[in-house]
Amino acid sequence: MSDAPGVAPIVVLPVQPGDPPFRVVEIEGRTVGIAHDMIDVISLAHASGRHGVDLDDPALVRWVGGGKYRWKP
């Protein structure tokens, strides 16, 4: 977890154009990979040692530039 109060440890950045479009995922301020969908976000979290990730919990995940259903620019 992040030491700063009110800062979600997982940040999903805005959709980037690509084929297919993607979103960059940061955990604890470090870029851990790119996601093409919600499953990728969960997989990246698991690979970083986080399990039971609730994508709807704003204390855990911050969606920048659109929520979890936005995957196209």
Protein backbone atom coordinates (compact mmCIF):
# COMPACT_ATOMS: atom_id res chain seq x y z
CA MET A 1 0.00 0.00 0.00
CA SER A 2 1.02 3.58 -0.52
CA ASP A 3 2.25 5.49 2.50
CA ALA A 4 0.53 8.70 1.39
CA PRO A 5 -3.04 8.97 2.69
CA GLY A 6 -5.71 9.24 0.02
CA VAL A 7 -3.42 8.04 -2.78
CA ALA A 8 -4.53 4.86 -4.54
CA PRO A 9 -1.62 2.45 -4.98
CA ILE A 10 -2.82 1.35 -8.44
CA VAL A 11 -3.22 4.03 -11.10
CA VAL A 12 -4.58 3.28 -14.57
CA LEU A 13 -3.65 6.11 -16.93
CA PRO A 14 -5.72 7.38 -19.90
CA VAL A 15 -6.25 5.33 -23.05
CA GLN A 16 -3.41 5.61 -25.56
CA PRO A 17 -3.98 5.13 -29.27
CA GLY A 18 -2.56 1.93 -30.61
CA ASP A 19 -3.55 -1.24 -32.34
CA PRO A 20 -5.13 -2.18 -30.02
CA PRO A 21 -5.49 0.86 -27.71
CA PHE A 22 -3.99 0.45 -24.25
CA ARG A 23 -3.64 2.05 -20.82
CA VAL A 24 -0.43 2.29 -18.81
CA VAL A 25 -0.67 0.87 -15.28
CA GLU A 26 1.36 2.16 -12.34
CA ILE A 27 1.62 0.50 -8.95
CA GLU A 28 3.18 2.39 -6.06
CA GLY A 29 4.34 5.06 -8.52
CA ARG A 30 6.19 2.64 -10.82
CA THR A 31 5.08 1.69 -14.30
CA VAL A 32 4.39 -2.06 -14.29
CA GLY A 33 3.01 -2.54 -17.79
CA ILE A 34 0.23 -1.86 -20.22
CA ALA A 35 -3.34 -3.11 -20.13
CA HIS A 36 -5.78 -3.70 -22.95
CA ASP A 37 -8.66 -4.54 -20.61
CA MET A 38 -9.62 -4.99 -16.96
CA ILE A 39 -8.21 -8.52 -16.85
CA ASP A 40 -4.78 -7.12 -17.75
CA VAL A 41 -5.03 -4.65 -14.85
CA ILE A 42 -5.81 -7.51 -12.45
CA SER A 43 -2.99 -9.64 -13.91
CA LEU A 44 -0.47 -6.81 -13.49
CA ALA A 45 -1.64 -6.32 -9.90
CA HIS A 46 -1.23 -10.04 -9.18
CA ALA A 47 2.24 -10.05 -10.74
CA SER A 48 3.12 -7.21 -8.37
CA GLY A 49 1.95 -9.21 -5.35
CA ARG A 50 -1.55 -7.74 -4.98
CA HIS A 51 -4.40 -10.20 -4.84
CA GLY A 52 -8.14 -9.74 -4.44
CA VAL A 53 -8.06 -6.45 -6.34
CA ASP A 54 -11.40 -4.60 -6.30
CA LEU A 55 -11.39 -2.40 -9.41
CA ASP A 56 -14.30 -0.41 -7.96
CA ASP A 57 -12.45 0.59 -4.78
CA PRO A 58 -11.18 4.17 -5.23
CA ALA A 59 -8.84 3.70 -2.26
CA LEU A 60 -7.11 0.93 -4.23
CA VAL A 61 -7.46 1.88 -7.92
CA ARG A 62 -7.54 5.33 -9.51
CA TRP A 63 -8.81 5.47 -13.09
CA VAL A 64 -7.46 8.50 -14.95
CA GLY A 65 -9.20 9.64 -18.13
CA GLY A 66 -12.20 7.36 -17.83
CA GLY A 67 -13.36 4.44 -15.74
CA LYS A 68 -12.76 0.74 -16.02
CA TYR A 69 -15.02 0.41 -19.07
CA ARG A 70 -13.10 2.97 -21.19
CA TRP A 71 -10.64 1.18 -23.48
CA LYS A 72 -10.93 3.16 -26.72
CA PRO A 73 -9.56 6.68 -27.38
